[in-house]
Amino acid sequence: MQFYKKTSTGKYSLLTKLIIKAAILFLIVFIAIMMVDKIDFPAPNKKIEKIIPNENLKIVK
């Protein structure tokens, strides 16, 4: 009985593994965005308005 070293990395190459990982990552991000989009955030009830006086403004050239 002889022992031999398996030198092949498998049937998938390094590029294929990288593409699969990128696709899984893209799928997870896409699902997360879709889940956040489903949340119904309430709109503010009152109008927010602040008047800035002209003396506080500076002209930048």
Protein backbone atom coordinates (compact mmCIF):
# COMPACT_ATOMS: atom_id res chain seq x y z
CA MET A 1 0.00 0.00 0.00
CA GLN A 2 1.52 3.27 -1.11
CA PHE A 3 0.60 6.79 -0.08
CA TYR A 4 0.55 9.48 -2.74
CA LYS A 5 0.17 13.21 -2.57
CA LYS A 6 -2.87 14.60 -4.29
CA THR A 7 -1.61 17.67 -6.16
CA SER A 8 -4.79 18.66 -8.02
CA THR A 9 -7.00 21.27 -6.39
CA GLY A 10 -10.21 19.63 -7.52
CA LYS A 11 -12.43 19.98 -10.52
CA TYR A 12 -12.93 23.73 -9.99
CA SER A 13 -10.18 26.14 -10.88
CA LEU A 14 -9.29 29.19 -8.82
CA LEU A 15 -11.15 31.52 -11.20
CA THR A 16 -14.32 29.43 -10.97
CA LYS A 17 -14.22 29.47 -7.16
CA LEU A 18 -13.76 33.25 -7.21
CA ILE A 19 -16.73 33.69 -9.56
CA ILE A 20 -18.93 31.48 -7.37
CA LYS A 21 -17.98 33.44 -4.23
CA ALA A 22 -18.65 36.77 -5.98
CA ALA A 23 -22.04 35.53 -7.18
CA ILE A 24 -23.01 34.40 -3.68
CA LEU A 25 -21.90 37.74 -2.22
CA PHE A 26 -23.88 39.64 -4.88
CA LEU A 27 -26.95 37.51 -4.14
CA ILE A 28 -26.71 38.18 -0.38
CA VAL A 29 -26.34 41.95 -0.94
CA PHE A 30 -29.26 41.94 -3.40
CA ILE A 31 -31.51 40.09 -0.92
CA ALA A 32 -30.50 42.51 1.87
CA ILE A 33 -31.39 45.51 -0.32
CA MET A 34 -34.74 43.96 -1.20
CA MET A 35 -35.52 43.33 2.48
CA VAL A 36 -34.68 46.92 3.48
CA ASP A 37 -36.82 48.18 0.60
CA LYS A 38 -39.84 46.33 2.02
CA ILE A 39 -39.66 48.26 5.32
CA ASP A 40 -42.20 51.09 5.40
CA PHE A 41 -40.53 54.02 7.15
CA PRO A 42 -42.98 56.65 8.46
CA ALA A 43 -42.90 60.09 6.89
CA PRO A 44 -42.40 63.13 9.16
CA ASN A 45 -45.64 64.78 10.25
CA LYS A 46 -44.51 68.39 10.29
CA LYS A 47 -42.59 70.37 7.72
CA ILE A 48 -39.02 71.08 8.81
CA GLU A 49 -37.83 74.51 7.73
CA LYS A 50 -35.00 76.64 9.06
CA ILE A 51 -34.34 80.16 7.81
CA ILE A 52 -30.65 81.09 7.64
CA PRO A 53 -29.94 84.83 7.90
CA ASN A 54 -27.78 86.35 5.17
CA GLU A 55 -25.16 87.66 7.58
CA ASN A 56 -24.09 84.09 8.46
CA LEU A 57 -23.42 83.21 4.83
CA LYS A 58 -19.92 83.60 3.44
CA ILE A 59 -19.07 83.89 -0.25
CA VAL A 60 -16.41 81.41 -1.32
CA LYS A 61 -14.49 82.15 -4.51
